[in-house]
Amino acid sequence: MRHLPFICLLLCFGLYAEKTELQEDEITILLEDPVYTDGVLTSDKGVCVKAPGMKIQARKIEYIRKETAEGLVHKLSAFGDLLVDFNNRIYVGDSVDYDFITQSGYVTNGVTCIDRVFVGGEKLEFHKDKSITMQNLYATTNPNKNSLWSVEAKSATLDKDQVLKTEDITVKAGQTPVFYVPFYKTKFKSDDNSPFRYNVLWESGQGPMVSARARLYSTDALELFGRLDYRIKRG
């Protein structure tokens, strides 16, 4: 994705000068030149939001807290130079919408990095139980669009314990589908044991070959791997 890398862990640390600070219900909002109208707070000059289990940094924000005929409305929308820290994992994306009452929200065109693998989707939904649902998921070791390989699926869930589950997965070499996996489950770990590895080899007289290995299933007691060797000359 184009607005990486993830070294931008500068959430809420003095990125904007002359900030205004608002605190309520364990929520801290730092922003510059805010405009307040009828329960709606807006700014387009930089904002940082701290809430339990979450931090948001963006260029523009609309923060709403007001009583309506249907009850209390308490939510925000933010976009531009977006960084979201949810359950101690950093996400970037185009925009974020979050409801403080339901403790749920979503990032559009979001991506994160897990075990040196870039994992993203058109919509990343954050839930109250700290799990995440990803729509139109993709995973690759290269954030660029012209990646050597990628894994795609319509949806996936990542629970609070970093266990990823998905179905109907397509593995692609470039833009060419090479095999299909009906079900995938793995637990992302904090060590150096990445679920995806690949090498490009060159054998004399036979041309280049791409060798890839993927962890197809993982629990604390069992790990299953799949391997693919694709010779570019022969196919």
C-alpha atoms as a PDB file:
ATOM      1  CA  MET A   1       0.000   0.000   0.000  1.00  0.00           C
ATOM      2  CA  ARG A   2       1.255   3.440  -0.901  1.00  0.00           C
ATOM      3  CA  HIS A   3       1.209   5.138   2.514  1.00  0.00           C
ATOM      4  CA  LEU A   4       3.462   2.816   4.476  1.00  0.00           C
ATOM      5  CA  PRO A   5       5.938   2.348   6.285  1.00  0.00           C
ATOM      6  CA  PHE A   6       4.990   1.453   9.790  1.00  0.00           C
ATOM      7  CA  ILE A   7       7.867   3.245  11.432  1.00  0.00           C
ATOM      8  CA  CYS A   8       5.396   6.133  11.809  1.00  0.00           C
ATOM      9  CA  LEU A   9       4.711   5.219  15.417  1.00  0.00           C
ATOM     10  CA  LEU A  10       4.471   8.907  16.240  1.00  0.00           C
ATOM     11  CA  LEU A  11       0.903   8.694  17.430  1.00  0.00           C
ATOM     12  CA  CYS A  12       0.009  11.691  19.531  1.00  0.00           C
ATOM     13  CA  PHE A  13       3.536  12.900  20.187  1.00  0.00           C
ATOM     14  CA  GLY A  14       3.727  16.568  19.373  1.00  0.00           C
ATOM     15  CA  LEU A  15       3.040  16.425  15.661  1.00  0.00           C
ATOM     16  CA  TYR A  16       0.941  19.571  15.681  1.00  0.00           C
ATOM     17  CA  ALA A  17       1.741  22.879  17.330  1.00  0.00           C
ATOM     18  CA  GLU A  18      -0.589  24.998  19.407  1.00  0.00           C
ATOM     19  CA  LYS A  19      -3.009  22.171  20.106  1.00  0.00           C
ATOM     20  CA  THR A  20      -6.327  22.340  21.919  1.00  0.00           C
ATOM     21  CA  GLU A  21      -6.982  19.470  24.340  1.00  0.00           C
ATOM     22  CA  LEU A  22     -10.429  18.062  25.107  1.00  0.00           C
ATOM     23  CA  GLN A  23     -10.938  15.323  27.716  1.00  0.00           C
ATOM     24  CA  GLU A  24     -14.133  13.421  28.515  1.00  0.00           C
ATOM     25  CA  ASP A  25     -15.044   9.841  29.454  1.00  0.00           C
ATOM     26  CA  GLU A  26     -11.422   8.587  29.233  1.00  0.00           C
ATOM     27  CA  ILE A  27     -11.123  10.136  25.761  1.00  0.00           C
ATOM     28  CA  THR A  28      -8.443  12.738  25.028  1.00  0.00           C
ATOM     29  CA  ILE A  29      -8.534  14.752  21.816  1.00  0.00           C
ATOM     30  CA  LEU A  30      -5.607  16.944  20.752  1.00  0.00           C
ATOM     31  CA  LEU A  31      -6.315  19.189  17.783  1.00  0.00           C
ATOM     32  CA  GLU A  32      -5.493  22.552  16.246  1.00  0.00           C
ATOM     33  CA  ASP A  33      -7.954  25.348  15.429  1.00  0.00           C
ATOM     34  CA  PRO A  34     -11.145  23.383  16.258  1.00  0.00           C
ATOM     35  CA  VAL A  35     -14.615  24.525  15.244  1.00  0.00           C
ATOM     36  CA  TYR A  36     -17.562  23.566  17.480  1.00  0.00           C
ATOM     37  CA  THR A  37     -21.180  23.725  16.301  1.00  0.00           C
ATOM     38  CA  ASP A  38     -24.206  22.031  17.887  1.00  0.00           C
ATOM     39  CA  GLY A  39     -22.343  19.071  19.404  1.00  0.00           C
ATOM     40  CA  VAL A  40     -20.026  18.613  16.425  1.00  0.00           C
ATOM     41  CA  LEU A  41     -16.305  19.344  16.724  1.00  0.00           C
ATOM     42  CA  THR A  42     -14.267  19.613  13.508  1.00  0.00           C
ATOM     43  CA  SER A  43     -10.701  20.410  12.504  1.00  0.00           C
ATOM     44  CA  ASP A  44      -8.662  20.044   9.334  1.00  0.00           C
ATOM     45  CA  LYS A  45      -5.255  20.940  10.767  1.00  0.00           C
ATOM     46  CA  GLY A  46      -4.307  17.746  12.559  1.00  0.00           C
ATOM     47  CA  VAL A  47      -5.815  15.658  15.342  1.00  0.00           C
ATOM     48  CA  CYS A  48      -4.876  12.923  17.765  1.00  0.00           C
ATOM     49  CA  VAL A  49      -7.438  10.901  19.708  1.00  0.00           C
ATOM     50  CA  LYS A  50      -6.644   8.657  22.678  1.00  0.00           C
ATOM     51  CA  ALA A  51      -9.301   6.274  23.972  1.00  0.00           C
ATOM     52  CA  PRO A  52      -9.152   2.971  25.899  1.00  0.00           C
ATOM     53  CA  GLY A  53      -7.485   0.410  23.618  1.00  0.00           C
ATOM     54  CA  MET A  54      -7.222   2.787  20.679  1.00  0.00           C
ATOM     55  CA  LYS A  55      -5.331   5.789  19.297  1.00  0.00           C
ATOM     56  CA  ILE A  56      -6.105   7.690  16.110  1.00  0.00           C
ATOM     57  CA  GLN A  57      -3.979  10.237  14.289  1.00  0.00           C
ATOM     58  CA  ALA A  58      -5.273  12.027  11.191  1.00  0.00           C
ATOM     59  CA  ARG A  59      -5.256  15.313   9.335  1.00  0.00           C
ATOM     60  CA  LYS A  60      -9.033  15.931   9.529  1.00  0.00           C
ATOM     61  CA  ILE A  61     -11.741  14.936  12.027  1.00  0.00           C
ATOM     62  CA  GLU A  62     -15.435  15.239  12.758  1.00  0.00           C
ATOM     63  CA  TYR A  63     -16.185  14.382  16.399  1.00  0.00           C
ATOM     64  CA  ILE A  64     -19.828  14.202  17.473  1.00  0.00           C
ATOM     65  CA  ARG A  65     -21.242  13.995  20.980  1.00  0.00           C
ATOM     66  CA  LYS A  66     -24.826  15.147  21.400  1.00  0.00           C
ATOM     67  CA  GLU A  67     -28.273  14.079  22.517  1.00  0.00           C
ATOM     68  CA  THR A  68     -30.856  13.383  19.824  1.00  0.00           C
ATOM     69  CA  ALA A  69     -34.443  12.115  19.836  1.00  0.00           C
ATOM     70  CA  GLU A  70     -33.041   8.596  19.421  1.00  0.00           C
ATOM     71  CA  GLY A  71     -30.550   8.987  22.270  1.00  0.00           C
ATOM     72  CA  LEU A  72     -26.876   9.884  22.684  1.00  0.00           C
ATOM     73  CA  VAL A  73     -24.719  10.047  19.556  1.00  0.00           C
ATOM     74  CA  HIS A  74     -21.017   9.676  20.280  1.00  0.00           C
ATOM     75  CA  LYS A  75     -18.762   8.939  17.305  1.00  0.00           C
ATOM     76  CA  LEU A  76     -16.010  10.264  15.077  1.00  0.00           C
ATOM     77  CA  SER A  77     -14.827  10.228  11.476  1.00  0.00           C
ATOM     78  CA  ALA A  78     -11.222  10.981  10.534  1.00  0.00           C
ATOM     79  CA  PHE A  79      -9.137  10.871   7.378  1.00  0.00           C
ATOM     80  CA  GLY A  80      -5.950  12.144   5.787  1.00  0.00           C
ATOM     81  CA  ASP A  81      -2.468  10.875   6.843  1.00  0.00           C
ATOM     82  CA  LEU A  82      -4.315   8.276   8.922  1.00  0.00           C
ATOM     83  CA  LEU A  83      -2.754   6.036  11.565  1.00  0.00           C
ATOM     84  CA  VAL A  84      -4.846   3.856  13.877  1.00  0.00           C
ATOM     85  CA  ASP A  85      -3.530   1.906  16.868  1.00  0.00           C
ATOM     86  CA  PHE A  86      -6.120  -0.749  17.747  1.00  0.00           C
ATOM     87  CA  ASN A  87      -5.387  -3.536  20.252  1.00  0.00           C
ATOM     88  CA  ASN A  88      -1.670  -2.629  20.082  1.00  0.00           C
ATOM     89  CA  ARG A  89      -1.426  -3.030  16.305  1.00  0.00           C
ATOM     90  CA  ILE A  90      -0.848  -0.188  13.846  1.00  0.00           C
ATOM     91  CA  TYR A  91      -3.084   0.288  10.788  1.00  0.00           C
ATOM     92  CA  VAL A  92      -2.958   2.822   7.993  1.00  0.00           C
ATOM     93  CA  GLY A  93      -5.797   3.599   5.608  1.00  0.00           C
ATOM     94  CA  ASP A  94      -7.903   6.209   3.869  1.00  0.00           C
ATOM     95  CA  SER A  95     -10.421   6.940   6.643  1.00  0.00           C
ATOM     96  CA  VAL A  96     -11.772   5.676   9.967  1.00  0.00           C
ATOM     97  CA  ASP A  97     -15.259   5.785  11.473  1.00  0.00           C
ATOM     98  CA  TYR A  98     -15.734   4.806  15.117  1.00  0.00           C
ATOM     99  CA  ASP A  99     -18.760   4.650  17.428  1.00  0.00           C
ATOM    100  CA  PHE A 100     -17.837   5.056  21.110  1.00  0.00           C
ATOM    101  CA  ILE A 101     -21.196   3.714  22.277  1.00  0.00           C
ATOM    102  CA  THR A 102     -21.003   0.384  20.432  1.00  0.00           C
ATOM    103  CA  GLN A 103     -17.183   0.358  20.683  1.00  0.00           C
ATOM    104  CA  SER A 104     -16.922  -0.596  17.033  1.00  0.00           C
ATOM    105  CA  GLY A 105     -15.835   1.003  13.781  1.00  0.00           C
ATOM    106  CA  TYR A 106     -14.007   0.471  10.524  1.00  0.00           C
ATOM    107  CA  VAL A 107     -11.072   1.628   8.417  1.00  0.00           C
ATOM    108  CA  THR A 108     -11.456   1.866   4.649  1.00  0.00           C
ATOM    109  CA  ASN A 109      -8.624   0.526   2.474  1.00  0.00           C
ATOM    110  CA  GLY A 110      -6.715  -0.433   5.595  1.00  0.00           C
ATOM    111  CA  VAL A 111      -3.475  -2.378   5.939  1.00  0.00           C
ATOM    112  CA  THR A 112      -1.254  -3.596   8.754  1.00  0.00           C
ATOM    113  CA  CYS A 113       1.958  -5.593   9.035  1.00  0.00           C
ATOM    114  CA  ILE A 114       1.875  -8.998  10.765  1.00  0.00           C
ATOM    115  CA  ASP A 115       4.969 -11.208  10.982  1.00  0.00           C
ATOM    116  CA  ARG A 116       6.596  -9.254   8.105  1.00  0.00           C
ATOM    117  CA  VAL A 117       3.489  -9.808   5.965  1.00  0.00           C
ATOM    118  CA  PHE A 118       1.337  -6.884   4.796  1.00  0.00           C
ATOM    119  CA  VAL A 119      -2.311  -7.755   5.434  1.00  0.00           C
ATOM    120  CA  GLY A 120      -5.096  -5.457   4.271  1.00  0.00           C
ATOM    121  CA  GLY A 121      -8.574  -5.140   2.877  1.00  0.00           C
ATOM    122  CA  GLU A 122     -11.133  -2.745   1.461  1.00  0.00           C
ATOM    123  CA  LYS A 123     -12.826  -2.558   4.857  1.00  0.00           C
ATOM    124  CA  LEU A 124     -11.393  -3.480   8.267  1.00  0.00           C
ATOM    125  CA  GLU A 125     -14.120  -3.669  10.912  1.00  0.00           C
ATOM    126  CA  PHE A 126     -13.131  -3.271  14.578  1.00  0.00           C
ATOM    127  CA  HIS A 127     -15.372  -4.999  17.128  1.00  0.00           C
ATOM    128  CA  LYS A 128     -15.945  -4.573  20.860  1.00  0.00           C
ATOM    129  CA  ASP A 129     -14.261  -7.919  21.645  1.00  0.00           C
ATOM    130  CA  LYS A 130     -11.030  -6.628  19.973  1.00  0.00           C
ATOM    131  CA  SER A 131     -11.502  -8.875  16.939  1.00  0.00           C
ATOM    132  CA  ILE A 132     -11.292  -7.558  13.367  1.00  0.00           C
ATOM    133  CA  THR A 133     -13.227  -8.557  10.252  1.00  0.00           C
ATOM    134  CA  MET A 134     -11.480  -7.910   6.942  1.00  0.00           C
ATOM    135  CA  GLN A 135     -13.402  -7.570   3.681  1.00  0.00           C
ATOM    136  CA  ASN A 136     -11.708  -8.407   0.352  1.00  0.00           C
ATOM    137  CA  LEU A 137      -8.550  -9.467   2.137  1.00  0.00           C
ATOM    138  CA  TYR A 138      -5.084  -9.588   0.609  1.00  0.00           C
ATOM    139  CA  ALA A 139      -1.704 -10.561   2.042  1.00  0.00           C
ATOM    140  CA  THR A 140       1.755 -10.140   0.553  1.00  0.00           C
ATOM    141  CA  THR A 141       5.360  -9.554   1.615  1.00  0.00           C
ATOM    142  CA  ASN A 142       5.594  -6.570  -0.750  1.00  0.00           C
ATOM    143  CA  PRO A 143       3.318  -3.524  -0.241  1.00  0.00           C
ATOM    144  CA  ASN A 144       3.543  -2.530  -3.912  1.00  0.00           C
ATOM    145  CA  LYS A 145       0.773  -3.389  -6.344  1.00  0.00           C
ATOM    146  CA  ASN A 146       3.169  -5.310  -8.629  1.00  0.00           C
ATOM    147  CA  SER A 147       3.939  -7.947  -6.017  1.00  0.00           C
ATOM    148  CA  LEU A 148       5.598 -11.219  -6.989  1.00  0.00           C
ATOM    149  CA  TRP A 149       2.884 -13.144  -5.137  1.00  0.00           C
ATOM    150  CA  SER A 150      -0.237 -12.498  -3.078  1.00  0.00           C
ATOM    151  CA  VAL A 151      -2.989 -14.264  -1.149  1.00  0.00           C
ATOM    152  CA  GLU A 152      -6.587 -13.083  -1.589  1.00  0.00           C
ATOM    153  CA  ALA A 153      -9.914 -13.911   0.063  1.00  0.00           C
ATOM    154  CA  LYS A 154     -13.359 -12.338   0.296  1.00  0.00           C
ATOM    155  CA  SER A 155     -13.232 -12.033   4.089  1.00  0.00           C
ATOM    156  CA  ALA A 156     -11.292 -13.044   7.182  1.00  0.00           C
ATOM    157  CA  THR A 157     -11.370 -12.610  10.947  1.00  0.00           C
ATOM    158  CA  LEU A 158      -8.454 -11.805  13.246  1.00  0.00           C
ATOM    159  CA  ASP A 159      -9.322 -12.349  16.916  1.00  0.00           C
ATOM    160  CA  LYS A 160      -7.828 -10.634  19.954  1.00  0.00           C
ATOM    161  CA  ASP A 161      -5.319 -13.490  20.339  1.00  0.00           C
ATOM    162  CA  GLN A 162      -3.984 -12.872  16.781  1.00  0.00           C
ATOM    163  CA  VAL A 163      -5.580 -16.016  15.298  1.00  0.00           C
ATOM    164  CA  LEU A 164      -6.518 -15.480  11.646  1.00  0.00           C
ATOM    165  CA  LYS A 165      -9.329 -17.522  10.048  1.00  0.00           C
ATOM    166  CA  THR A 166     -10.511 -17.318   6.450  1.00  0.00           C
ATOM    167  CA  GLU A 167     -12.064 -19.415   3.679  1.00  0.00           C
ATOM    168  CA  ASP A 168     -11.922 -19.646  -0.130  1.00  0.00           C
ATOM    169  CA  ILE A 169      -8.360 -18.385  -0.528  1.00  0.00           C
ATOM    170  CA  THR A 170      -6.658 -17.830  -3.870  1.00  0.00           C
ATOM    171  CA  VAL A 171      -2.858 -17.727  -4.125  1.00  0.00           C
ATOM    172  CA  LYS A 172      -1.509 -15.727  -7.055  1.00  0.00           C
ATOM    173  CA  ALA A 173       1.875 -15.444  -8.747  1.00  0.00           C
ATOM    174  CA  GLY A 174       1.730 -11.906 -10.077  1.00  0.00           C
ATOM    175  CA  GLN A 175      -1.860 -11.688 -11.354  1.00  0.00           C
ATOM    176  CA  THR A 176      -2.112 -15.415 -12.206  1.00  0.00           C
ATOM    177  CA  PRO A 177      -3.999 -17.743  -9.794  1.00  0.00           C
ATOM    178  CA  VAL A 178      -1.834 -20.791  -9.044  1.00  0.00           C
ATOM    179  CA  PHE A 179      -3.821 -22.677  -6.397  1.00  0.00           C
ATOM    180  CA  TYR A 180      -6.886 -22.562  -4.178  1.00  0.00           C
ATOM    181  CA  VAL A 181      -7.201 -23.253  -0.431  1.00  0.00           C
ATOM    182  CA  PRO A 182     -10.720 -23.897   0.972  1.00  0.00           C
ATOM    183  CA  PHE A 183      -9.853 -23.022   4.592  1.00  0.00           C
ATOM    184  CA  TYR A 184      -6.968 -21.312   6.350  1.00  0.00           C
ATOM    185  CA  LYS A 185      -6.172 -20.776  10.019  1.00  0.00           C
ATOM    186  CA  THR A 186      -2.972 -19.552  11.596  1.00  0.00           C
ATOM    187  CA  LYS A 187      -1.814 -17.852  14.764  1.00  0.00           C
ATOM    188  CA  PHE A 188       0.523 -14.942  14.202  1.00  0.00           C
ATOM    189  CA  LYS A 189       3.404 -15.050  16.626  1.00  0.00           C
ATOM    190  CA  SER A 190       5.860 -12.520  17.978  1.00  0.00           C
ATOM    191  CA  ASP A 191       8.926 -14.572  17.011  1.00  0.00           C
ATOM    192  CA  ASP A 192      10.674 -14.733  13.621  1.00  0.00           C
ATOM    193  CA  ASN A 193       8.513 -17.606  12.347  1.00  0.00           C
ATOM    194  CA  SER A 194       6.728 -15.879   9.443  1.00  0.00           C
ATOM    195  CA  PRO A 195       3.717 -17.744   7.950  1.00  0.00           C
ATOM    196  CA  PHE A 196       4.926 -16.960   4.410  1.00  0.00           C
ATOM    197  CA  ARG A 197       8.372 -17.423   2.894  1.00  0.00           C
ATOM    198  CA  TYR A 198       9.604 -17.467  -0.666  1.00  0.00           C
ATOM    199  CA  ASN A 199      12.833 -17.670  -2.673  1.00  0.00           C
ATOM    200  CA  VAL A 200      13.706 -17.032  -6.303  1.00  0.00           C
ATOM    201  CA  LEU A 201      16.200 -19.617  -7.576  1.00  0.00           C
ATOM    202  CA  TRP A 202      18.065 -19.962 -10.852  1.00  0.00           C
ATOM    203  CA  GLU A 203      18.974 -23.440 -12.030  1.00  0.00           C
ATOM    204  CA  SER A 204      21.423 -23.793 -14.891  1.00  0.00           C
ATOM    205  CA  GLY A 205      19.686 -24.708 -18.152  1.00  0.00           C
ATOM    206  CA  GLN A 206      16.217 -24.660 -16.621  1.00  0.00           C
ATOM    207  CA  GLY A 207      15.572 -20.993 -15.928  1.00  0.00           C
ATOM    208  CA  PRO A 208      14.281 -19.174 -12.820  1.00  0.00           C
ATOM    209  CA  MET A 209      12.037 -20.878 -10.260  1.00  0.00           C
ATOM    210  CA  VAL A 210       9.926 -19.380  -7.494  1.00  0.00           C
ATOM    211  CA  SER A 211       9.686 -21.513  -4.355  1.00  0.00           C
ATOM    212  CA  ALA A 212       7.080 -20.486  -1.775  1.00  0.00           C
ATOM    213  CA  ARG A 213       6.039 -21.941   1.570  1.00  0.00           C
ATOM    214  CA  ALA A 214       2.926 -21.024   3.533  1.00  0.00           C
ATOM    215  CA  ARG A 215       1.725 -22.044   6.977  1.00  0.00           C
ATOM    216  CA  LEU A 216      -1.718 -23.490   6.202  1.00  0.00           C
ATOM    217  CA  TYR A 217      -2.843 -24.315   9.734  1.00  0.00           C
ATOM    218  CA  SER A 218      -1.463 -23.430  13.124  1.00  0.00           C
ATOM    219  CA  THR A 219      -2.305 -24.116  16.750  1.00  0.00           C
ATOM    220  CA  ASP A 220      -0.136 -24.229  19.856  1.00  0.00           C
ATOM    221  CA  ALA A 221       0.409 -27.962  19.270  1.00  0.00           C
ATOM    222  CA  LEU A 222       0.385 -28.359  15.469  1.00  0.00           C
ATOM    223  CA  GLU A 223       1.583 -26.557  12.363  1.00  0.00           C
ATOM    224  CA  LEU A 224       0.900 -27.597   8.746  1.00  0.00           C
ATOM    225  CA  PHE A 225       2.723 -26.120   5.766  1.00  0.00           C
ATOM    226  CA  GLY A 226       2.142 -26.088   2.026  1.00  0.00           C
ATOM    227  CA  ARG A 227       4.883 -25.617  -0.571  1.00  0.00           C
ATOM    228  CA  LEU A 228       4.735 -24.455  -4.179  1.00  0.00           C
ATOM    229  CA  ASP A 229       7.571 -24.574  -6.743  1.00  0.00           C
ATOM    230  CA  TYR A 230       6.810 -22.636  -9.922  1.00  0.00           C
ATOM    231  CA  ARG A 231       9.284 -22.724 -12.819  1.00  0.00           C
ATOM    232  CA  ILE A 232       8.755 -19.635 -14.943  1.00  0.00           C
ATOM    233  CA  LYS A 233      10.170 -21.201 -18.110  1.00  0.00           C
ATOM    234  CA  ARG A 234       8.052 -24.366 -17.990  1.00  0.00           C
ATOM    235  CA  GLY A 235       5.085 -23.288 -15.854  1.00  0.00           C
END
